[in-house]
């Protein structure tokens, strides 16, 4: 059962951590490369602000983005801005998302995201939480996968394992941190083809495309190559 109010509170807390951390930077730091190929930290911050706007659109029944081209153009337009402008935009767009999330609504309704993806409205706050936490890591400013809240890490592993479940290009895989286990990839009647073991942070990093999986232990074959998110 998704508790959207709990997730909205978690988004608020994660956003405050992000704003506090970014507030220690300077204009030069914002122009430096992030951990995402081809993106500066300014690109990451611009994306986070525009994603908040886009998820307000989703909650209010409008298309998430006008188009993929418009989404990319908005990020490129906003990436070079000074730190104070980035912070103000991120703070205000985050507040608008919280307001939209706190409005009375049918949280069981189906909403549409990018590329025709559909989900329940109740899952939208968690999706925003994912954006804030992982992109905080992507900034490369001292917040890493090991610093993520344990609840978030487990739920995002749940989400990503489910996302790749049944994918024809991913072998049947058991993912485990030694305590919990997840199944993903192709279905196999005679058990998983591959078992991937590691810390929660390393498992999340591999599943989310943030780490290459070198720290993981793999039994039964090579580490599966995962499709892009």
Protein backbone atom coordinates (compact mmCIF):
# COMPACT_ATOMS: atom_id res chain seq x y z
CA UNK A 1 0.00 0.00 0.00
CA UNK A 2 1.55 3.27 -1.10
CA UNK A 3 1.38 6.04 1.51
CA UNK A 4 1.57 9.14 -0.66
CA UNK A 5 1.50 11.48 2.36
CA UNK A 6 4.54 9.73 3.85
CA UNK A 7 6.33 9.97 0.51
CA UNK A 8 5.49 13.68 0.19
CA UNK A 9 7.08 14.25 3.59
CA UNK A 10 10.12 12.25 2.46
CA UNK A 11 10.37 14.39 -0.68
CA UNK A 12 10.29 17.51 1.45
CA UNK A 13 13.09 16.22 3.69
CA UNK A 14 15.22 15.11 0.73
CA UNK A 15 14.72 18.47 -0.97
CA UNK A 16 15.85 20.34 2.14
CA UNK A 17 19.00 18.20 2.31
CA UNK A 18 19.67 18.95 -1.33
CA UNK A 19 19.08 22.70 -0.99
CA UNK A 20 21.32 22.88 2.07
CA UNK A 21 24.12 21.04 0.29
CA UNK A 22 23.85 23.04 -2.93
CA UNK A 23 23.78 26.25 -0.92
CA UNK A 24 27.42 25.65 0.06
CA UNK A 25 28.56 25.77 -3.58
CA UNK A 26 29.54 28.78 -5.66
CA UNK A 27 28.84 29.81 -9.23
CA UNK A 28 31.99 28.11 -10.52
CA UNK A 29 31.03 24.80 -8.93
CA UNK A 30 27.64 24.85 -10.66
CA UNK A 31 29.34 24.99 -14.06
CA UNK A 32 31.57 21.97 -13.34
CA UNK A 33 30.76 18.47 -14.59
CA UNK A 34 28.33 16.33 -12.65
CA UNK A 35 28.57 12.54 -12.49
CA UNK A 36 26.14 12.31 -15.42
CA UNK A 37 27.90 12.23 -18.80
CA UNK A 38 27.52 15.49 -20.68
CA UNK A 39 25.77 17.32 -17.85
CA UNK A 40 27.14 19.99 -15.55
CA UNK A 41 25.78 20.41 -12.05
CA UNK A 42 23.70 23.22 -13.51
CA UNK A 43 22.04 20.74 -15.85
CA UNK A 44 21.16 18.49 -12.92
CA UNK A 45 19.68 21.38 -10.94
CA UNK A 46 17.73 22.64 -13.93
CA UNK A 47 16.38 19.16 -14.57
CA UNK A 48 15.25 18.82 -10.96
CA UNK A 49 13.34 22.09 -11.11
CA UNK A 50 11.67 21.31 -14.41
CA UNK A 51 10.87 17.76 -13.26
CA UNK A 52 8.96 19.22 -10.30
CA UNK A 53 6.94 21.33 -12.75
CA UNK A 54 6.38 18.29 -14.95
CA UNK A 55 5.07 16.19 -12.08
CA UNK A 56 2.67 18.99 -11.12
CA UNK A 57 1.38 18.68 -14.69
CA UNK A 58 0.92 14.95 -14.16
CA UNK A 59 -1.00 15.42 -10.91
CA UNK A 60 -3.20 18.08 -12.47
CA UNK A 61 -4.05 16.03 -15.57
CA UNK A 62 -1.83 17.71 -18.16
CA UNK A 63 0.90 16.13 -20.30
CA UNK A 64 4.11 15.75 -18.31
CA UNK A 65 6.14 17.59 -20.98
CA UNK A 66 5.06 19.35 -24.15
CA UNK A 67 7.59 17.17 -25.97
CA UNK A 68 10.92 15.48 -25.44
CA UNK A 69 12.55 18.29 -27.42
CA UNK A 70 10.97 20.96 -25.22
CA UNK A 71 12.09 19.12 -22.08
CA UNK A 72 15.70 19.00 -23.29
CA UNK A 73 15.61 22.63 -24.46
CA UNK A 74 14.36 23.83 -21.07
CA UNK A 75 17.22 22.05 -19.30
CA UNK A 76 19.81 23.50 -21.68
CA UNK A 77 18.30 26.97 -21.26
CA UNK A 78 18.36 26.85 -17.47
CA UNK A 79 21.66 25.02 -16.88
CA UNK A 80 24.00 28.07 -17.11
CA UNK A 81 22.15 30.14 -14.50
CA UNK A 82 23.87 31.51 -11.41
CA UNK A 83 23.66 29.55 -8.17
CA UNK A 84 21.19 31.89 -6.48
CA UNK A 85 18.82 31.65 -9.45
CA UNK A 86 19.11 27.86 -9.48
CA UNK A 87 18.35 27.67 -5.77
CA UNK A 88 15.34 29.96 -5.98
CA UNK A 89 13.92 28.05 -8.93
CA UNK A 90 14.46 24.68 -7.28
CA UNK A 91 12.93 25.86 -3.99
CA UNK A 92 9.88 27.41 -5.67
CA UNK A 93 9.24 24.51 -8.06
CA UNK A 94 9.57 22.06 -5.15
CA UNK A 95 7.04 24.07 -3.16
CA UNK A 96 4.59 23.98 -6.08
CA UNK A 97 4.97 20.20 -6.23
CA UNK A 98 4.24 19.91 -2.51
CA UNK A 99 1.15 22.08 -2.90
CA UNK A 100 -0.12 19.95 -5.77
CA UNK A 101 0.55 16.82 -3.73
CA UNK A 102 -1.34 18.11 -0.73
CA UNK A 103 -4.46 19.08 -2.68
CA UNK A 104 -7.50 16.79 -2.17
CA UNK A 105 -7.47 14.17 -4.91
CA UNK A 106 -8.27 10.60 -5.86
CA UNK A 107 -4.90 9.01 -5.29
CA UNK A 108 -6.04 5.72 -6.80
CA UNK A 109 -6.51 7.28 -10.23
CA UNK A 110 -4.24 6.43 -13.15
CA UNK A 111 -1.91 9.13 -14.44
CA UNK A 112 0.36 9.27 -17.47
CA UNK A 113 4.07 10.11 -17.32
CA UNK A 114 6.72 10.30 -20.05
CA UNK A 115 6.67 8.03 -23.08
CA UNK A 116 3.17 6.79 -22.34
CA UNK A 117 4.13 5.23 -18.99
CA UNK A 118 1.13 4.97 -16.69
CA UNK A 119 1.00 4.64 -12.93
CA UNK A 120 -1.27 5.41 -10.01
CA UNK A 121 -1.23 8.98 -8.72
CA UNK A 122 -0.14 7.64 -5.33
CA UNK A 123 3.21 6.59 -6.84
CA UNK A 124 4.05 10.08 -8.11
CA UNK A 125 5.53 11.35 -4.81
CA UNK A 126 7.86 8.36 -4.66
CA UNK A 127 8.92 9.03 -8.24
CA UNK A 128 9.80 12.59 -7.23
CA UNK A 129 11.69 11.26 -4.20
CA UNK A 130 13.76 9.13 -6.58
CA UNK A 131 14.59 12.16 -8.70
CA UNK A 132 15.72 14.23 -5.73
CA UNK A 133 17.80 11.53 -4.02
CA UNK A 134 19.57 10.09 -7.06
CA UNK A 135 20.29 13.46 -8.63
CA UNK A 136 21.66 14.70 -5.31
CA UNK A 137 24.15 11.84 -5.65
CA UNK A 138 24.74 12.76 -9.31
CA UNK A 139 25.87 16.25 -8.32
CA UNK A 140 29.06 14.77 -6.86
CA UNK A 141 29.18 17.10 -3.87
CA UNK A 142 29.72 14.64 -1.02
CA UNK A 143 26.37 12.82 -0.93
CA UNK A 144 26.67 9.24 -2.11
CA UNK A 145 24.58 6.12 -2.45
CA UNK A 146 25.67 5.00 1.01
CA UNK A 147 24.13 8.19 2.43
CA UNK A 148 20.64 7.50 1.08
CA UNK A 149 17.91 6.66 3.61
CA UNK A 150 17.66 2.90 4.09
CA UNK A 151 13.93 2.91 3.35
CA UNK A 152 14.52 4.71 0.08
CA UNK A 153 17.29 2.35 -0.99
CA UNK A 154 15.18 -0.74 -0.37
CA UNK A 155 12.13 0.67 -2.12
CA UNK A 156 14.12 1.81 -5.14
CA UNK A 157 15.72 -1.63 -5.44
CA UNK A 158 12.18 -3.06 -5.25
CA UNK A 159 11.07 -0.69 -8.01
CA UNK A 160 14.01 -1.32 -10.33
CA UNK A 161 13.98 -5.10 -9.88
CA UNK A 162 10.31 -5.02 -10.81
CA UNK A 163 11.03 -2.75 -13.76
CA UNK A 164 13.46 -5.24 -15.30
CA UNK A 165 11.35 -8.29 -14.40
CA UNK A 166 10.34 -10.18 -17.51
CA UNK A 167 12.72 -8.22 -19.74
CA UNK A 168 13.83 -10.57 -22.52
CA UNK A 169 17.37 -9.17 -22.64
CA UNK A 170 18.06 -9.66 -18.93
CA UNK A 171 18.76 -13.22 -17.73
CA UNK A 172 16.77 -14.58 -14.83
CA UNK A 173 18.56 -12.99 -11.89
CA UNK A 174 18.44 -13.19 -8.13
CA UNK A 175 19.61 -9.97 -6.50
CA UNK A 176 20.49 -10.12 -2.81
CA UNK A 177 22.18 -8.09 -0.09
CA UNK A 178 22.53 -11.19 2.07
CA UNK A 179 19.37 -10.44 4.01
CA UNK A 180 16.76 -9.60 1.39
CA UNK A 181 16.40 -10.94 -2.13
CA UNK A 182 14.72 -9.77 -5.32
CA UNK A 183 14.00 -11.52 -8.62
CA UNK A 184 14.37 -9.79 -11.94
CA UNK A 185 14.97 -10.48 -15.62
CA UNK A 186 13.47 -13.32 -17.64
CA UNK A 187 11.29 -15.83 -15.88
CA UNK A 188 12.92 -19.19 -15.29
CA UNK A 189 11.09 -22.28 -14.12
CA UNK A 190 14.24 -23.97 -12.83
CA UNK A 191 15.60 -21.10 -10.74
CA UNK A 192 17.69 -18.03 -11.50
CA UNK A 193 20.50 -18.21 -14.02
CA UNK A 194 22.58 -15.62 -12.17
CA UNK A 195 22.85 -14.49 -8.54
CA UNK A 196 24.13 -10.97 -7.85
CA UNK A 197 25.19 -10.19 -4.29
CA UNK A 198 26.33 -6.93 -2.77
CA UNK A 199 25.62 -4.12 -0.36
CA UNK A 200 22.32 -2.26 -0.79
CA UNK A 201 24.17 0.81 -2.07
CA UNK A 202 26.13 -1.18 -4.65
CA UNK A 203 23.04 -3.07 -5.79
CA UNK A 204 21.12 0.18 -6.18
CA UNK A 205 24.04 1.79 -7.99
CA UNK A 206 24.15 -1.05 -10.52
CA UNK A 207 20.38 -1.22 -11.04
CA UNK A 208 20.11 2.56 -11.41
CA UNK A 209 23.08 2.86 -13.76
CA UNK A 210 25.17 4.79 -11.24
CA UNK A 211 27.85 2.10 -10.71
CA UNK A 212 29.39 -0.49 -12.99
CA UNK A 213 28.83 -3.38 -10.59
CA UNK A 214 32.54 -4.03 -10.01
CA UNK A 215 31.93 -4.31 -6.26
CA UNK A 216 29.26 -7.01 -6.70
CA UNK A 217 29.73 -10.77 -6.53
CA UNK A 218 28.19 -12.71 -9.41
CA UNK A 219 27.52 -16.45 -9.51
CA UNK A 220 26.26 -18.42 -12.50
CA UNK A 221 27.53 -16.17 -15.26
CA UNK A 222 28.65 -12.62 -16.04
CA UNK A 223 26.99 -9.59 -14.49
CA UNK A 224 23.84 -8.95 -16.55
CA UNK A 225 23.87 -5.87 -18.78
CA UNK A 226 20.82 -3.80 -17.89
CA UNK A 227 18.81 -1.70 -20.37
CA UNK A 228 19.00 2.08 -19.88
CA UNK A 229 16.37 3.59 -17.61
